[in-house]
C-alpha atoms as a PDB file:
ATOM      1  CA  MET A   1      33.545   0.850 257.205  1.00  0.00           C
ATOM      2  CA  GLY A   2      32.205  -1.397 254.459  1.00  0.00           C
ATOM      3  CA  THR A   3      28.946  -3.098 253.673  1.00  0.00           C
ATOM      4  CA  ILE A   4      27.654  -6.376 255.048  1.00  0.00           C
ATOM      5  CA  PRO A   5      27.289  -8.960 252.254  1.00  0.00           C
ATOM      6  CA  THR A   6      23.757 -10.116 251.403  1.00  0.00           C
ATOM      7  CA  HIS A   7      24.603 -13.778 251.988  1.00  0.00           C
ATOM      8  CA  THR A   8      25.736 -12.921 255.555  1.00  0.00           C
ATOM      9  CA  ILE A   9      22.485 -11.043 256.238  1.00  0.00           C
ATOM     10  CA  GLU A  10      20.475 -14.025 254.961  1.00  0.00           C
ATOM     11  CA  GLN A  11      22.550 -16.400 257.112  1.00  0.00           C
ATOM     12  CA  VAL A  12      21.963 -14.240 260.207  1.00  0.00           C
ATOM     13  CA  ALA A  13      18.213 -14.063 259.484  1.00  0.00           C
ATOM     14  CA  ALA A  14      18.020 -17.851 259.098  1.00  0.00           C
ATOM     15  CA  ALA A  15      19.984 -18.455 262.307  1.00  0.00           C
ATOM     16  CA  ASN A  16      17.795 -16.205 264.477  1.00  0.00           C
ATOM     17  CA  ASP A  17      14.291 -17.516 265.075  1.00  0.00           C
ATOM     18  CA  ILE A  18      12.098 -14.482 265.674  1.00  0.00           C
ATOM     19  CA  VAL A  19      10.165 -16.156 268.506  1.00  0.00           C
ATOM     20  CA  GLU A  20      13.405 -16.915 270.355  1.00  0.00           C
ATOM     21  CA  VAL A  21      14.765 -13.415 269.806  1.00  0.00           C
ATOM     22  CA  VAL A  22      11.564 -11.673 270.931  1.00  0.00           C
ATOM     23  CA  SER A  23      11.172 -14.009 273.921  1.00  0.00           C
ATOM     24  CA  SER A  24      14.717 -13.151 275.021  1.00  0.00           C
ATOM     25  CA  TYR A  25      13.431  -9.591 275.579  1.00  0.00           C
ATOM     26  CA  PHE A  26      10.126 -10.428 277.303  1.00  0.00           C
ATOM     27  CA  PRO A  27       7.983 -13.531 277.978  1.00  0.00           C
ATOM     28  CA  LEU A  28       5.612 -14.807 275.301  1.00  0.00           C
ATOM     29  CA  LYS A  29       2.614 -17.161 275.517  1.00  0.00           C
ATOM     30  CA  ARG A  30       1.876 -19.762 272.841  1.00  0.00           C
ATOM     31  CA  ALA A  31      -1.524 -19.232 271.146  1.00  0.00           C
ATOM     32  CA  GLY A  32      -1.905 -21.706 268.286  1.00  0.00           C
ATOM     33  CA  ALA A  33       0.467 -21.049 265.403  1.00  0.00           C
ATOM     34  CA  THR A  34       1.457 -17.670 266.826  1.00  0.00           C
ATOM     35  CA  THR A  35       2.990 -16.546 270.079  1.00  0.00           C
ATOM     36  CA  GLY A  36       1.782 -13.417 271.761  1.00  0.00           C
ATOM     37  CA  ARG A  37       1.622 -11.146 274.758  1.00  0.00           C
ATOM     38  CA  SER A  38      -0.188  -7.995 275.776  1.00  0.00           C
ATOM     39  CA  ALA A  39       1.748  -4.819 275.166  1.00  0.00           C
ATOM     40  CA  ARG A  40       1.363  -3.613 278.751  1.00  0.00           C
ATOM     41  CA  PHE A  41       3.741  -0.713 278.303  1.00  0.00           C
ATOM     42  CA  ILE A  42       1.100   0.950 276.115  1.00  0.00           C
ATOM     43  CA  ARG A  43      -1.980   2.357 277.882  1.00  0.00           C
ATOM     44  CA  ARG A  44      -4.534   1.046 275.424  1.00  0.00           C
ATOM     45  CA  LYS A  45      -4.940  -2.702 275.233  1.00  0.00           C
ATOM     46  CA  ARG A  46      -2.904  -3.943 272.291  1.00  0.00           C
ATOM     47  CA  HIS A  47      -1.492  -7.350 271.615  1.00  0.00           C
ATOM     48  CA  ARG A  48       1.802  -8.502 270.157  1.00  0.00           C
ATOM     49  CA  SER A  49       1.913 -11.476 267.864  1.00  0.00           C
ATOM     50  CA  THR A  50       5.037 -13.274 266.737  1.00  0.00           C
ATOM     51  CA  SER A  51       5.006 -16.002 264.130  1.00  0.00           C
ATOM     52  CA  ALA A  52       7.982 -18.328 263.663  1.00  0.00           C
ATOM     53  CA  ARG A  53       6.463 -19.782 260.502  1.00  0.00           C
ATOM     54  CA  ARG A  54       6.184 -16.392 258.800  1.00  0.00           C
ATOM     55  CA  GLY A  55       9.306 -14.988 260.482  1.00  0.00           C
ATOM     56  CA  ASN A  56       7.704 -11.723 261.485  1.00  0.00           C
ATOM     57  CA  ARG A  57       6.011  -9.901 264.328  1.00  0.00           C
ATOM     58  CA  SER A  58       3.124  -7.493 264.517  1.00  0.00           C
ATOM     59  CA  LEU A  59       1.622  -5.172 267.106  1.00  0.00           C
ATOM     60  CA  PHE A  60      -2.155  -5.127 266.754  1.00  0.00           C
ATOM     61  CA  GLY A  61      -3.675  -1.722 267.255  1.00  0.00           C
ATOM     62  CA  CYS A  62      -0.864   0.366 265.794  1.00  0.00           C
ATOM     63  CA  GLY A  63       0.165  -1.975 262.967  1.00  0.00           C
ATOM     64  CA  ALA A  64       3.904  -2.005 263.744  1.00  0.00           C
ATOM     65  CA  GLY A  65       5.624  -5.125 262.538  1.00  0.00           C
ATOM     66  CA  GLY A  66       8.516  -6.578 260.647  1.00  0.00           C
ATOM     67  CA  SER A  67      11.398  -8.996 260.607  1.00  0.00           C
ATOM     68  CA  VAL A  68      13.812  -9.992 263.350  1.00  0.00           C
ATOM     69  CA  PHE A  69      16.086  -7.157 262.211  1.00  0.00           C
ATOM     70  CA  ARG A  70      13.252  -4.607 262.450  1.00  0.00           C
ATOM     71  CA  PHE A  71      12.407  -5.837 265.962  1.00  0.00           C
ATOM     72  CA  VAL A  72      15.992  -5.325 267.192  1.00  0.00           C
ATOM     73  CA  MET A  73      16.186  -1.956 265.420  1.00  0.00           C
ATOM     74  CA  ASP A  74      12.934  -0.753 267.017  1.00  0.00           C
ATOM     75  CA  TYR A  75      13.475  -2.226 270.477  1.00  0.00           C
ATOM     76  CA  GLU A  76      17.126  -1.232 270.903  1.00  0.00           C
ATOM     77  CA  HIS A  77      16.958   1.978 268.806  1.00  0.00           C
ATOM     78  CA  VAL A  78      19.850   1.001 266.511  1.00  0.00           C
ATOM     79  CA  ASP A  79      20.450   1.105 262.753  1.00  0.00           C
ATOM     80  CA  PHE A  80      20.275  -1.905 260.422  1.00  0.00           C
ATOM     81  CA  PRO A  81      24.003  -2.774 260.344  1.00  0.00           C
ATOM     82  CA  THR A  82      24.151  -2.687 264.162  1.00  0.00           C
ATOM     83  CA  ALA A  83      21.097  -4.948 264.390  1.00  0.00           C
ATOM     84  CA  VAL A  84      22.722  -7.405 261.957  1.00  0.00           C
ATOM     85  CA  ARG A  85      25.953  -7.394 263.990  1.00  0.00           C
ATOM     86  CA  ARG A  86      24.092  -8.001 267.289  1.00  0.00           C
ATOM     87  CA  LEU A  87      22.048 -10.852 265.865  1.00  0.00           C
ATOM     88  CA  ALA A  88      25.153 -12.319 264.231  1.00  0.00           C
ATOM     89  CA  ALA A  89      26.976 -12.235 267.565  1.00  0.00           C
ATOM     90  CA  ARG A  90      23.976 -13.923 269.202  1.00  0.00           C
ATOM     91  CA  ALA A  91      24.144 -16.724 266.620  1.00  0.00           C
ATOM     92  CA  GLY A  92      27.953 -16.911 266.587  1.00  0.00           C
ATOM     93  CA  ILE A  93      28.237 -15.843 262.958  1.00  0.00           C
ATOM     94  CA  PRO A  94      31.272 -13.737 262.011  1.00  0.00           C
ATOM     95  CA  VAL A  95      30.451 -10.562 260.074  1.00  0.00           C
ATOM     96  CA  ILE A  96      33.129  -9.631 257.563  1.00  0.00           C
ATOM     97  CA  GLU A  97      32.290  -6.371 255.869  1.00  0.00           C
ATOM     98  CA  GLU A  98      33.226  -5.792 252.255  1.00  0.00           C
ATOM     99  CA  ARG A  99      35.048  -2.635 251.282  1.00  0.00           C
ATOM    100  CA  SER A 100      32.890  -0.759 248.817  1.00  0.00           C
ATOM    101  CA  PHE A 101      35.096   2.107 247.664  1.00  0.00           C
ATOM    102  CA  SER A 102      35.426   2.839 243.980  1.00  0.00           C
ATOM    103  CA  SER A 103      38.582   4.282 242.487  1.00  0.00           C
ATOM    104  CA  GLU A 104      36.983   7.764 242.594  1.00  0.00           C
ATOM    105  CA  GLU A 105      36.197   7.359 246.306  1.00  0.00           C
ATOM    106  CA  ASP A 106      39.750   6.110 246.939  1.00  0.00           C
ATOM    107  CA  ARG A 107      41.139   9.183 245.206  1.00  0.00           C
ATOM    108  CA  GLN A 108      38.879  11.505 247.214  1.00  0.00           C
ATOM    109  CA  HIS A 109      39.837   9.731 250.442  1.00  0.00           C
ATOM    110  CA  GLU A 110      43.551  10.126 249.654  1.00  0.00           C
ATOM    111  CA  ALA A 111      43.069  13.812 248.742  1.00  0.00           C
ATOM    112  CA  ARG A 112      41.282  14.404 252.044  1.00  0.00           C
ATOM    113  CA  ARG A 113      44.058  12.644 253.952  1.00  0.00           C
ATOM    114  CA  THR A 114      46.670  14.834 252.180  1.00  0.00           C
ATOM    115  CA  LEU A 115      44.718  18.022 252.955  1.00  0.00           C
ATOM    116  CA  LEU A 116      44.376  17.097 256.623  1.00  0.00           C
ATOM    117  CA  LYS A 117      48.118  16.456 256.811  1.00  0.00           C
ATOM    118  CA  LEU A 118      48.838  19.853 255.206  1.00  0.00           C
ATOM    119  CA  HIS A 119      46.454  21.594 257.614  1.00  0.00           C
ATOM    120  CA  LEU A 120      48.196  19.948 260.568  1.00  0.00           C
ATOM    121  CA  GLU A 121      51.621  21.049 259.302  1.00  0.00           C
ATOM    122  CA  ALA A 122      50.359  24.613 258.727  1.00  0.00           C
ATOM    123  CA  ALA A 123      48.833  24.765 262.224  1.00  0.00           C
ATOM    124  CA  GLU A 124      52.121  23.574 263.764  1.00  0.00           C
ATOM    125  CA  TRP A 125      54.084  26.188 261.759  1.00  0.00           C
ATOM    126  CA  PHE A 126      51.791  29.035 262.850  1.00  0.00           C
ATOM    127  CA  GLN A 127      51.798  27.879 266.466  1.00  0.00           C
ATOM    128  CA  GLU A 128      55.606  27.620 266.489  1.00  0.00           C
ATOM    129  CA  ASN A 129      56.015  31.103 264.992  1.00  0.00           C
ATOM    130  CA  LEU A 130      53.348  32.769 267.140  1.00  0.00           C
ATOM    131  CA  LEU A 131      54.426  31.316 270.460  1.00  0.00           C
ATOM    132  CA  LYS A 132      58.214  31.050 270.199  1.00  0.00           C
ATOM    133  CA  ARG A 133      59.583  33.648 267.726  1.00  0.00           C
ATOM    134  CA  ASP A 134      60.679  37.146 268.719  1.00  0.00           C
ATOM    135  CA  PHE A 135      59.022  38.816 265.725  1.00  0.00           C
ATOM    136  CA  ALA A 136      55.613  37.590 267.000  1.00  0.00           C
ATOM    137  CA  GLN A 137      55.927  39.451 270.330  1.00  0.00           C
ATOM    138  CA  PRO A 138      53.527  42.260 269.257  1.00  0.00           C
ATOM    139  CA  ALA A 139      50.940  39.665 268.211  1.00  0.00           C
ATOM    140  CA  ARG A 140      51.244  37.858 271.551  1.00  0.00           C
ATOM    141  CA  GLU A 141      50.882  41.146 273.461  1.00  0.00           C
ATOM    142  CA  TYR A 142      47.851  42.098 271.421  1.00  0.00           C
END
């Protein structure tokens, strides 16, 4: 798996208005330049505030906040690349990841692939000899 290019991340951020994204999860009420709601799932009275102009959200009382990506990461318990992919799908933006292997990583990857192939061949050889050859009868009985 590769990395998501910076220009794609910026395009996804620009295409996803934070107020629309947050309001797709729960209802918000307009309060001047910000949009908010009480965080009723928390026992103490705290308020959420989402600002389209600033492109961020905050949770008064505990200080949690962040971008549209941070909101999706926190609310859905996913990592950053997954949040980018979900928001890109929501906006209809294709995410084409760039391969980021260096020649050293390519060589290590190929060496690992060769070792795994050798291990598979060795396991098949031992299994064949242990289960089907007459000279392995004492080992099978043991």
